[in-house]
Amino acid sequence: MVSLRVVRQDRMEQVLADCQSAVIPARGEVLQLDTLDESGEQVRPSTMWRIVSVTVHVPSLASASPRDGAPLCVRRVEVAVLPDVALVPEFAAAAERILSESKM
């Protein structure tokens, strides 16, 4: 397990999620963020985010071994995301308008 941190890249690095994960997402994939209550039920609609970068924090050979004797390992992965405009029609239409206006 690694600590997975999801950061919105276009809003002063706003942290959207920080949790333990058994998987490491890849650039270009889409994350679906769910907001859950204490019983695990979804309380808001999910949001879709496109991963634009993945940073894997790897301890170098110069790192000290952990005090508990565990081997050095990746403990933290940070992904930067942007709203996935391809999956949200309103965002896609707004992006298209902005692009068409900039061509004028």
PDB file of N, CA and C in Angstrom:
ATOM      1  N   MET A   1       0.842  -1.190   0.000  1.00  0.00           N
ATOM      2  CA  MET A   1       0.000   0.000   0.000  1.00  0.00           C
ATOM      3  C   MET A   1       0.885   1.251   0.000  1.00  0.00           C
ATOM      4  N   VAL A   2       0.418   2.247  -0.739  1.00  0.00           N
ATOM      5  CA  VAL A   2       1.103   3.533  -0.778  1.00  0.00           C
ATOM      6  C   VAL A   2       0.089   4.617  -0.426  1.00  0.00           C
ATOM      7  N   SER A   3       0.598   5.748  -0.025  1.00  0.00           N
ATOM      8  CA  SER A   3      -0.248   6.910   0.204  1.00  0.00           C
ATOM      9  C   SER A   3      -0.437   7.590  -1.153  1.00  0.00           C
ATOM     10  N   LEU A   4      -1.672   7.658  -1.618  1.00  0.00           N
ATOM     11  CA  LEU A   4      -1.993   8.260  -2.910  1.00  0.00           C
ATOM     12  C   LEU A   4      -2.608   9.627  -2.672  1.00  0.00           C
ATOM     13  N   ARG A   5      -1.976  10.640  -3.224  1.00  0.00           N
ATOM     14  CA  ARG A   5      -2.468  12.007  -3.079  1.00  0.00           C
ATOM     15  C   ARG A   5      -2.866  12.521  -4.448  1.00  0.00           C
ATOM     16  N   VAL A   6      -4.090  13.034  -4.555  1.00  0.00           N
ATOM     17  CA  VAL A   6      -4.620  13.569  -5.812  1.00  0.00           C
ATOM     18  C   VAL A   6      -4.693  15.085  -5.674  1.00  0.00           C
ATOM     19  N   VAL A   7      -3.988  15.785  -6.576  1.00  0.00           N
ATOM     20  CA  VAL A   7      -3.876  17.237  -6.494  1.00  0.00           C
ATOM     21  C   VAL A   7      -4.399  17.853  -7.784  1.00  0.00           C
ATOM     22  N   ARG A   8      -5.298  18.824  -7.641  1.00  0.00           N
ATOM     23  CA  ARG A   8      -5.810  19.541  -8.815  1.00  0.00           C
ATOM     24  C   ARG A   8      -4.756  20.537  -9.266  1.00  0.00           C
ATOM     25  N   GLN A   9      -4.287  20.389 -10.485  1.00  0.00           N
ATOM     26  CA  GLN A   9      -3.158  21.163 -10.974  1.00  0.00           C
ATOM     27  C   GLN A   9      -3.490  22.616 -11.277  1.00  0.00           C
ATOM     28  N   ASP A  10      -4.711  22.916 -11.664  1.00  0.00           N
ATOM     29  CA  ASP A  10      -5.045  24.267 -12.103  1.00  0.00           C
ATOM     30  C   ASP A  10      -5.583  25.178 -10.999  1.00  0.00           C
ATOM     31  N   ARG A  11      -5.601  24.753  -9.769  1.00  0.00           N
ATOM     32  CA  ARG A  11      -6.146  25.557  -8.669  1.00  0.00           C
ATOM     33  C   ARG A  11      -5.180  25.627  -7.495  1.00  0.00           C
ATOM     34  N   MET A  12      -4.014  26.174  -7.719  1.00  0.00           N
ATOM     35  CA  MET A  12      -3.033  26.345  -6.639  1.00  0.00           C
ATOM     36  C   MET A  12      -2.790  25.041  -5.884  1.00  0.00           C
ATOM     37  N   GLU A  13      -2.715  23.938  -6.626  1.00  0.00           N
ATOM     38  CA  GLU A  13      -2.451  22.622  -6.071  1.00  0.00           C
ATOM     39  C   GLU A  13      -3.407  22.250  -4.937  1.00  0.00           C
ATOM     40  N   GLN A  14      -4.685  22.341  -5.219  1.00  0.00           N
ATOM     41  CA  GLN A  14      -5.733  21.958  -4.276  1.00  0.00           C
ATOM     42  C   GLN A  14      -5.754  20.440  -4.128  1.00  0.00           C
ATOM     43  N   VAL A  15      -5.626  19.939  -2.894  1.00  0.00           N
ATOM     44  CA  VAL A  15      -5.658  18.499  -2.650  1.00  0.00           C
ATOM     45  C   VAL A  15      -7.111  18.032  -2.689  1.00  0.00           C
ATOM     46  N   LEU A  16      -7.397  17.078  -3.571  1.00  0.00           N
ATOM     47  CA  LEU A  16      -8.748  16.543  -3.725  1.00  0.00           C
ATOM     48  C   LEU A  16      -8.947  15.247  -2.949  1.00  0.00           C
ATOM     49  N   ALA A  17      -7.873  14.477  -2.787  1.00  0.00           N
ATOM     50  CA  ALA A  17      -7.961  13.196  -2.081  1.00  0.00           C
ATOM     51  C   ALA A  17      -6.591  12.829  -1.539  1.00  0.00           C
ATOM     52  N   ASP A  18      -6.588  12.103  -0.436  1.00  0.00           N
ATOM     53  CA  ASP A  18      -5.364  11.604   0.176  1.00  0.00           C
ATOM     54  C   ASP A  18      -5.738  10.316   0.905  1.00  0.00           C
ATOM     55  N   CYS A  19      -5.325   9.173   0.370  1.00  0.00           N
ATOM     56  CA  CYS A  19      -5.751   7.891   0.931  1.00  0.00           C
ATOM     57  C   CYS A  19      -4.701   6.816   0.671  1.00  0.00           C
ATOM     58  N   GLN A  20      -4.893   5.663   1.275  1.00  0.00           N
ATOM     59  CA  GLN A  20      -4.038   4.506   1.030  1.00  0.00           C
ATOM     60  C   GLN A  20      -4.535   3.803  -0.237  1.00  0.00           C
ATOM     61  N   SER A  21      -3.597   3.302  -1.059  1.00  0.00           N
ATOM     62  CA  SER A  21      -3.975   2.661  -2.306  1.00  0.00           C
ATOM     63  C   SER A  21      -3.045   1.492  -2.602  1.00  0.00           C
ATOM     64  N   ALA A  22      -3.622   0.455  -3.169  1.00  0.00           N
ATOM     65  CA  ALA A  22      -2.835  -0.699  -3.614  1.00  0.00           C
ATOM     66  C   ALA A  22      -2.466  -0.563  -5.090  1.00  0.00           C
ATOM     67  N   VAL A  23      -2.990   0.445  -5.766  1.00  0.00           N
ATOM     68  CA  VAL A  23      -2.714   0.643  -7.193  1.00  0.00           C
ATOM     69  C   VAL A  23      -2.082   2.011  -7.411  1.00  0.00           C
ATOM     70  N   ILE A  24      -1.311   2.111  -8.495  1.00  0.00           N
ATOM     71  CA  ILE A  24      -0.714   3.381  -8.899  1.00  0.00           C
ATOM     72  C   ILE A  24      -1.282   3.723 -10.264  1.00  0.00           C
ATOM     73  N   PRO A  25      -2.052   4.804 -10.357  1.00  0.00           N
ATOM     74  CA  PRO A  25      -2.635   5.165 -11.656  1.00  0.00           C
ATOM     75  C   PRO A  25      -1.570   5.695 -12.609  1.00  0.00           C
ATOM     76  N   ALA A  26      -1.897   5.708 -13.888  1.00  0.00           N
ATOM     77  CA  ALA A  26      -0.973   6.167 -14.922  1.00  0.00           C
ATOM     78  C   ALA A  26      -1.470   7.462 -15.550  1.00  0.00           C
ATOM     79  N   ARG A  27      -0.547   8.223 -16.108  1.00  0.00           N
ATOM     80  CA  ARG A  27      -0.877   9.451 -16.816  1.00  0.00           C
ATOM     81  C   ARG A  27      -1.826   9.111 -17.966  1.00  0.00           C
ATOM     82  N   GLY A  28      -2.844   9.955 -18.143  1.00  0.00           N
ATOM     83  CA  GLY A  28      -3.821   9.745 -19.206  1.00  0.00           C
ATOM     84  C   GLY A  28      -5.070   9.018 -18.745  1.00  0.00           C
ATOM     85  N   GLU A  29      -4.979   8.310 -17.636  1.00  0.00           N
ATOM     86  CA  GLU A  29      -6.157   7.618 -17.107  1.00  0.00           C
ATOM     87  C   GLU A  29      -7.115   8.623 -16.482  1.00  0.00           C
ATOM     88  N   VAL A  30      -8.329   8.167 -16.252  1.00  0.00           N
ATOM     89  CA  VAL A  30      -9.349   8.992 -15.613  1.00  0.00           C
ATOM     90  C   VAL A  30      -9.595   8.455 -14.207  1.00  0.00           C
ATOM     91  N   LEU A  31      -9.584   9.362 -13.236  1.00  0.00           N
ATOM     92  CA  LEU A  31      -9.945   9.017 -11.857  1.00  0.00           C
ATOM     93  C   LEU A  31     -11.386   9.420 -11.621  1.00  0.00           C
ATOM     94  N   GLN A  32     -12.117   8.594 -10.936  1.00  0.00           N
ATOM     95  CA  GLN A  32     -13.467   8.940 -10.504  1.00  0.00           C
ATOM     96  C   GLN A  32     -13.396   9.154  -9.002  1.00  0.00           C
ATOM     97  N   LEU A  33     -13.634  10.383  -8.566  1.00  0.00           N
ATOM     98  CA  LEU A  33     -13.609  10.687  -7.139  1.00  0.00           C
ATOM     99  C   LEU A  33     -15.020  10.620  -6.579  1.00  0.00           C
ATOM    100  N   ASP A  34     -15.180   9.838  -5.534  1.00  0.00           N
ATOM    101  CA  ASP A  34     -16.466   9.673  -4.870  1.00  0.00           C
ATOM    102  C   ASP A  34     -16.394  10.288  -3.480  1.00  0.00           C
ATOM    103  N   THR A  35     -17.485  10.893  -3.043  1.00  0.00           N
ATOM    104  CA  THR A  35     -17.582  11.402  -1.679  1.00  0.00           C
ATOM    105  C   THR A  35     -18.498  10.458  -0.917  1.00  0.00           C
ATOM    106  N   LEU A  36     -17.949   9.843   0.135  1.00  0.00           N
ATOM    107  CA  LEU A  36     -18.661   8.818   0.892  1.00  0.00           C
ATOM    108  C   LEU A  36     -18.944   9.292   2.313  1.00  0.00           C
ATOM    109  N   ASP A  37     -20.032   8.785   2.887  1.00  0.00           N
ATOM    110  CA  ASP A  37     -20.310   9.073   4.292  1.00  0.00           C
ATOM    111  C   ASP A  37     -19.647   8.000   5.160  1.00  0.00           C
ATOM    112  N   GLU A  38     -19.871   8.078   6.478  1.00  0.00           N
ATOM    113  CA  GLU A  38     -19.200   7.156   7.403  1.00  0.00           C
ATOM    114  C   GLU A  38     -19.601   5.694   7.213  1.00  0.00           C
ATOM    115  N   SER A  39     -20.734   5.444   6.578  1.00  0.00           N
ATOM    116  CA  SER A  39     -21.148   4.061   6.322  1.00  0.00           C
ATOM    117  C   SER A  39     -20.687   3.563   4.947  1.00  0.00           C
ATOM    118  N   GLY A  40     -19.976   4.423   4.191  1.00  0.00           N
ATOM    119  CA  GLY A  40     -19.475   4.027   2.880  1.00  0.00           C
ATOM    120  C   GLY A  40     -20.425   4.303   1.735  1.00  0.00           C
ATOM    121  N   GLU A  41     -21.547   4.968   2.029  1.00  0.00           N
ATOM    122  CA  GLU A  41     -22.525   5.311   0.988  1.00  0.00           C
ATOM    123  C   GLU A  41     -22.119   6.615   0.299  1.00  0.00           C
ATOM    124  N   GLN A  42     -22.337   6.670  -1.009  1.00  0.00           N
ATOM    125  CA  GLN A  42     -22.015   7.861  -1.774  1.00  0.00           C
ATOM    126  C   GLN A  42     -23.011   8.969  -1.437  1.00  0.00           C
ATOM    127  N   VAL A  43     -22.499  10.176  -1.152  1.00  0.00           N
ATOM    128  CA  VAL A  43     -23.371  11.282  -0.754  1.00  0.00           C
ATOM    129  C   VAL A  43     -23.456  12.395  -1.801  1.00  0.00           C
ATOM    130  N   ARG A  44     -22.582  12.375  -2.787  1.00  0.00           N
ATOM    131  CA  ARG A  44     -22.617  13.365  -3.864  1.00  0.00           C
ATOM    132  C   ARG A  44     -22.324  12.665  -5.172  1.00  0.00           C
ATOM    133  N   PRO A  45     -22.659  13.304  -6.281  1.00  0.00           N
ATOM    134  CA  PRO A  45     -22.284  12.696  -7.565  1.00  0.00           C
ATOM    135  C   PRO A  45     -20.763  12.597  -7.684  1.00  0.00           C
ATOM    136  N   SER A  46     -20.293  11.587  -8.373  1.00  0.00           N
ATOM    137  CA  SER A  46     -18.861  11.421  -8.603  1.00  0.00           C
ATOM    138  C   SER A  46     -18.357  12.518  -9.530  1.00  0.00           C
ATOM    139  N   THR A  47     -17.065  12.805  -9.447  1.00  0.00           N
ATOM    140  CA  THR A  47     -16.429  13.744 -10.377  1.00  0.00           C
ATOM    141  C   THR A  47     -15.333  12.987 -11.112  1.00  0.00           C
ATOM    142  N   MET A  48     -15.115  13.354 -12.369  1.00  0.00           N
ATOM    143  CA  MET A  48     -14.136  12.683 -13.216  1.00  0.00           C
ATOM    144  C   MET A  48     -12.946  13.610 -13.449  1.00  0.00           C
ATOM    145  N   TRP A  49     -11.747  13.045 -13.303  1.00  0.00           N
ATOM    146  CA  TRP A  49     -10.517  13.819 -13.416  1.00  0.00           C
ATOM    147  C   TRP A  49      -9.523  13.083 -14.297  1.00  0.00           C
ATOM    148  N   ARG A  50      -8.889  13.805 -15.216  1.00  0.00           N
ATOM    149  CA  ARG A  50      -7.868  13.227 -16.098  1.00  0.00           C
ATOM    150  C   ARG A  50      -6.502  13.410 -15.431  1.00  0.00           C
ATOM    151  N   ILE A  51      -5.736  12.336 -15.344  1.00  0.00           N
ATOM    152  CA  ILE A  51      -4.399  12.394 -14.736  1.00  0.00           C
ATOM    153  C   ILE A  51      -3.426  12.976 -15.751  1.00  0.00           C
ATOM    154  N   VAL A  52      -2.754  14.071 -15.354  1.00  0.00           N
ATOM    155  CA  VAL A  52      -1.795  14.716 -16.253  1.00  0.00           C
ATOM    156  C   VAL A  52      -0.347  14.419 -15.860  1.00  0.00           C
ATOM    157  N   SER A  53      -0.113  13.995 -14.623  1.00  0.00           N
ATOM    158  CA  SER A  53       1.241  13.587 -14.238  1.00  0.00           C
ATOM    159  C   SER A  53       1.174  12.692 -13.008  1.00  0.00           C
ATOM    160  N   VAL A  54       2.175  11.816 -12.897  1.00  0.00           N
ATOM    161  CA  VAL A  54       2.294  10.911 -11.755  1.00  0.00           C
ATOM    162  C   VAL A  54       3.700  11.069 -11.202  1.00  0.00           C
ATOM    163  N   THR A  55       3.814  11.348  -9.909  1.00  0.00           N
ATOM    164  CA  THR A  55       5.115  11.453  -9.255  1.00  0.00           C
ATOM    165  C   THR A  55       5.212  10.351  -8.222  1.00  0.00           C
ATOM    166  N   VAL A  56       6.169   9.464  -8.423  1.00  0.00           N
ATOM    167  CA  VAL A  56       6.412   8.370  -7.484  1.00  0.00           C
ATOM    168  C   VAL A  56       7.611   8.779  -6.644  1.00  0.00           C
ATOM    169  N   HIS A  57       7.417   8.907  -5.336  1.00  0.00           N
ATOM    170  CA  HIS A  57       8.499   9.303  -4.426  1.00  0.00           C
ATOM    171  C   HIS A  57       9.280   8.051  -4.025  1.00  0.00           C
ATOM    172  N   VAL A  58      10.469   7.900  -4.626  1.00  0.00           N
ATOM    173  CA  VAL A  58      11.292   6.708  -4.440  1.00  0.00           C
ATOM    174  C   VAL A  58      12.489   7.058  -3.554  1.00  0.00           C
ATOM    175  N   PRO A  59      12.722   6.304  -2.475  1.00  0.00           N
ATOM    176  CA  PRO A  59      13.890   6.584  -1.636  1.00  0.00           C
ATOM    177  C   PRO A  59      15.184   6.225  -2.377  1.00  0.00           C
ATOM    178  N   SER A  60      16.152   7.119  -2.356  1.00  0.00           N
ATOM    179  CA  SER A  60      17.423   6.866  -3.039  1.00  0.00           C
ATOM    180  C   SER A  60      18.279   5.894  -2.235  1.00  0.00           C
ATOM    181  N   LEU A  61      19.353   5.438  -2.859  1.00  0.00           N
ATOM    182  CA  LEU A  61      20.268   4.530  -2.173  1.00  0.00           C
ATOM    183  C   LEU A  61      20.928   5.195  -0.961  1.00  0.00           C
ATOM    184  N   ALA A  62      20.974   6.511  -0.947  1.00  0.00           N
ATOM    185  CA  ALA A  62      21.572   7.237   0.175  1.00  0.00           C
ATOM    186  C   ALA A  62      20.619   7.368   1.358  1.00  0.00           C
ATOM    187  N   SER A  63      19.397   6.887   1.222  1.00  0.00           N
ATOM    188  CA  SER A  63      18.406   6.983   2.293  1.00  0.00           C
ATOM    189  C   SER A  63      18.756   6.041   3.445  1.00  0.00           C
ATOM    190  N   ALA A  64      18.411   6.467   4.653  1.00  0.00           N
ATOM    191  CA  ALA A  64      18.599   5.615   5.827  1.00  0.00           C
ATOM    192  C   ALA A  64      17.483   4.578   5.889  1.00  0.00           C
ATOM    193  N   SER A  65      17.798   3.430   6.420  1.00  0.00           N
ATOM    194  CA  SER A  65      16.778   2.386   6.603  1.00  0.00           C
ATOM    195  C   SER A  65      15.788   2.824   7.677  1.00  0.00           C
ATOM    196  N   PRO A  66      14.519   2.456   7.536  1.00  0.00           N
ATOM    197  CA  PRO A  66      13.528   2.810   8.558  1.00  0.00           C
ATOM    198  C   PRO A  66      13.889   2.195   9.917  1.00  0.00           C
ATOM    199  N   ARG A  67      13.517   2.865  10.984  1.00  0.00           N
ATOM    200  CA  ARG A  67      13.828   2.408  12.354  1.00  0.00           C
ATOM    201  C   ARG A  67      13.225   1.043  12.662  1.00  0.00           C
ATOM    202  N   ASP A  68      12.091   0.737  12.037  1.00  0.00           N
ATOM    203  CA  ASP A  68      11.432  -0.539  12.336  1.00  0.00           C
ATOM    204  C   ASP A  68      12.051  -1.715  11.580  1.00  0.00           C
ATOM    205  N   GLY A  69      13.103  -1.449  10.792  1.00  0.00           N
ATOM    206  CA  GLY A  69      13.790  -2.514  10.078  1.00  0.00           C
ATOM    207  C   GLY A  69      13.165  -2.893   8.751  1.00  0.00           C
ATOM    208  N   ALA A  70      12.085  -2.261   8.392  1.00  0.00           N
ATOM    209  CA  ALA A  70      11.426  -2.554   7.114  1.00  0.00           C
ATOM    210  C   ALA A  70      12.322  -2.105   5.961  1.00  0.00           C
ATOM    211  N   PRO A  71      12.220  -2.750   4.812  1.00  0.00           N
ATOM    212  CA  PRO A  71      13.039  -2.331   3.668  1.00  0.00           C
ATOM    213  C   PRO A  71      12.559  -0.988   3.124  1.00  0.00           C
ATOM    214  N   LEU A  72      13.467  -0.291   2.448  1.00  0.00           N
ATOM    215  CA  LEU A  72      13.086   0.947   1.778  1.00  0.00           C
ATOM    216  C   LEU A  72      12.057   0.608   0.706  1.00  0.00           C
ATOM    217  N   CYS A  73      11.047   1.436   0.569  1.00  0.00           N
ATOM    218  CA  CYS A  73      10.018   1.194  -0.443  1.00  0.00           C
ATOM    219  C   CYS A  73       9.308   2.500  -0.772  1.00  0.00           C
ATOM    220  N   VAL A  74       8.560   2.471  -1.856  1.00  0.00           N
ATOM    221  CA  VAL A  74       7.736   3.620  -2.226  1.00  0.00           C
ATOM    222  C   VAL A  74       6.587   3.698  -1.231  1.00  0.00           C
ATOM    223  N   ARG A  75       6.430   4.848  -0.635  1.00  0.00           N
ATOM    224  CA  ARG A  75       5.358   5.044   0.338  1.00  0.00           C
ATOM    225  C   ARG A  75       4.357   6.102  -0.111  1.00  0.00           C
ATOM    226  N   ARG A  76       4.787   6.935  -1.091  1.00  0.00           N
ATOM    227  CA  ARG A  76       3.895   8.026  -1.492  1.00  0.00           C
ATOM    228  C   ARG A  76       3.919   8.201  -3.007  1.00  0.00           C
ATOM    229  N   VAL A  77       2.729   8.351  -3.578  1.00  0.00           N
ATOM    230  CA  VAL A  77       2.550   8.637  -5.000  1.00  0.00           C
ATOM    231  C   VAL A  77       1.622   9.834  -5.093  1.00  0.00           C
ATOM    232  N   GLU A  78       2.006  10.808  -5.902  1.00  0.00           N
ATOM    233  CA  GLU A  78       1.179  12.003  -6.071  1.00  0.00           C
ATOM    234  C   GLU A  78       0.784  12.109  -7.536  1.00  0.00           C
ATOM    235  N   VAL A  79      -0.510  12.303  -7.784  1.00  0.00           N
ATOM    236  CA  VAL A  79      -0.983  12.488  -9.151  1.00  0.00           C
ATOM    237  C   VAL A  79      -1.596  13.878  -9.279  1.00  0.00           C
ATOM    238  N   ALA A  80      -1.280  14.539 -10.390  1.00  0.00           N
ATOM    239  CA  ALA A  80      -1.868  15.837 -10.698  1.00  0.00           C
ATOM    240  C   ALA A  80      -2.989  15.595 -11.700  1.00  0.00           C
ATOM    241  N   VAL A  81      -4.127  16.241 -11.476  1.00  0.00           N
ATOM    242  CA  VAL A  81      -5.295  16.025 -12.317  1.00  0.00           C
ATOM    243  C   VAL A  81      -5.895  17.341 -12.783  1.00  0.00           C
ATOM    244  N   LEU A  82      -6.662  17.243 -13.853  1.00  0.00           N
ATOM    245  CA  LEU A  82      -7.486  18.339 -14.354  1.00  0.00           C
ATOM    246  C   LEU A  82      -8.877  17.781 -14.587  1.00  0.00           C
ATOM    247  N   PRO A  83      -9.908  18.634 -14.545  1.00  0.00           N
ATOM    248  CA  PRO A  83     -11.252  18.123 -14.844  1.00  0.00           C
ATOM    249  C   PRO A  83     -11.247  17.467 -16.223  1.00  0.00           C
ATOM    250  N   ASP A  84     -11.892  16.329 -16.340  1.00  0.00           N
ATOM    251  CA  ASP A  84     -11.912  15.621 -17.620  1.00  0.00           C
ATOM    252  C   ASP A  84     -13.017  16.184 -18.497  1.00  0.00           C
ATOM    253  N   VAL A  85     -12.665  17.139 -19.352  1.00  0.00           N
ATOM    254  CA  VAL A  85     -13.658  17.809 -20.199  1.00  0.00           C
ATOM    255  C   VAL A  85     -14.245  16.872 -21.239  1.00  0.00           C
ATOM    256  N   ALA A  86     -13.545  15.812 -21.579  1.00  0.00           N
ATOM    257  CA  ALA A  86     -14.076  14.884 -22.575  1.00  0.00           C
ATOM    258  C   ALA A  86     -15.268  14.110 -22.039  1.00  0.00           C
ATOM    259  N   LEU A  87     -15.374  13.971 -20.713  1.00  0.00           N
ATOM    260  CA  LEU A  87     -16.448  13.182 -20.129  1.00  0.00           C
ATOM    261  C   LEU A  87     -17.618  14.015 -19.632  1.00  0.00           C
ATOM    262  N   VAL A  88     -17.438  15.325 -19.569  1.00  0.00           N
ATOM    263  CA  VAL A  88     -18.495  16.204 -19.085  1.00  0.00           C
ATOM    264  C   VAL A  88     -18.902  17.131 -20.235  1.00  0.00           C
ATOM    265  N   PRO A  89     -20.088  16.931 -20.817  1.00  0.00           N
ATOM    266  CA  PRO A  89     -20.487  17.702 -22.002  1.00  0.00           C
ATOM    267  C   PRO A  89     -20.417  19.217 -21.803  1.00  0.00           C
ATOM    268  N   GLU A  90     -20.771  19.713 -20.613  1.00  0.00           N
ATOM    269  CA  GLU A  90     -20.735  21.164 -20.381  1.00  0.00           C
ATOM    270  C   GLU A  90     -19.304  21.690 -20.461  1.00  0.00           C
ATOM    271  N   PHE A  91     -18.355  20.958 -19.901  1.00  0.00           N
ATOM    272  CA  PHE A  91     -16.952  21.372 -19.953  1.00  0.00           C
ATOM    273  C   PHE A  91     -16.443  21.329 -21.387  1.00  0.00           C
ATOM    274  N   ALA A  92     -16.805  20.274 -22.115  1.00  0.00           N
ATOM    275  CA  ALA A  92     -16.352  20.130 -23.499  1.00  0.00           C
ATOM    276  C   ALA A  92     -16.878  21.283 -24.353  1.00  0.00           C
ATOM    277  N   ALA A  93     -18.139  21.651 -24.167  1.00  0.00           N
ATOM    278  CA  ALA A  93     -18.724  22.759 -24.933  1.00  0.00           C
ATOM    279  C   ALA A  93     -18.037  24.072 -24.571  1.00  0.00           C
ATOM    280  N   ALA A  94     -17.777  24.295 -23.296  1.00  0.00           N
ATOM    281  CA  ALA A  94     -17.099  25.527 -22.867  1.00  0.00           C
ATOM    282  C   ALA A  94     -15.681  25.583 -23.428  1.00  0.00           C
ATOM    283  N   ALA A  95     -14.973  24.457 -23.397  1.00  0.00           N
ATOM    284  CA  ALA A  95     -13.613  24.415 -23.938  1.00  0.00           C
ATOM    285  C   ALA A  95     -13.625  24.703 -25.433  1.00  0.00           C
ATOM    286  N   GLU A  96     -14.603  24.163 -26.129  1.00  0.00           N
ATOM    287  CA  GLU A  96     -14.716  24.400 -27.572  1.00  0.00           C
ATOM    288  C   GLU A  96     -14.991  25.873 -27.867  1.00  0.00           C
ATOM    289  N   ARG A  97     -15.869  26.507 -27.071  1.00  0.00           N
ATOM    290  CA  ARG A  97     -16.144  27.943 -27.248  1.00  0.00           C
ATOM    291  C   ARG A  97     -14.875  28.763 -27.030  1.00  0.00           C
ATOM    292  N   ILE A  98     -14.134  28.453 -25.992  1.00  0.00           N
ATOM    293  CA  ILE A  98     -12.909  29.202 -25.694  1.00  0.00           C
ATOM    294  C   ILE A  98     -11.914  29.053 -26.825  1.00  0.00           C
ATOM    295  N   LEU A  99     -11.772  27.834 -27.354  1.00  0.00           N
ATOM    296  CA  LEU A  99     -10.839  27.607 -28.462  1.00  0.00           C
ATOM    297  C   LEU A  99     -11.275  28.363 -29.710  1.00  0.00           C
ATOM    298  N   SER A 100     -12.582  28.368 -30.007  1.00  0.00           N
ATOM    299  CA  SER A 100     -13.059  29.051 -31.201  1.00  0.00           C
ATOM    300  C   SER A 100     -12.899  30.571 -31.070  1.00  0.00           C
ATOM    301  N   GLU A 101     -13.078  31.103 -29.861  1.00  0.00           N
ATOM    302  CA  GLU A 101     -12.909  32.540 -29.636  1.00  0.00           C
ATOM    303  C   GLU A 101     -11.443  32.936 -29.787  1.00  0.00           C
ATOM    304  N   SER A 102     -10.521  32.073 -29.368  1.00  0.00           N
ATOM    305  CA  SER A 102      -9.106  32.414 -29.451  1.00  0.00           C
ATOM    306  C   SER A 102      -8.591  32.398 -30.889  1.00  0.00           C
ATOM    307  N   LYS A 103      -9.303  31.751 -31.805  1.00  0.00           N
ATOM    308  CA  LYS A 103      -8.897  31.701 -33.207  1.00  0.00           C
ATOM    309  C   LYS A 103      -9.233  32.997 -33.925  1.00  0.00           C
ATOM    310  N   MET A 104     -10.120  33.798 -33.369  1.00  0.00           N
ATOM    311  CA  MET A 104     -10.557  35.041 -34.027  1.00  0.00           C
ATOM    312  C   MET A 104      -9.507  36.108 -33.963  1.00  0.00           C
TER     313      MET A 104
END
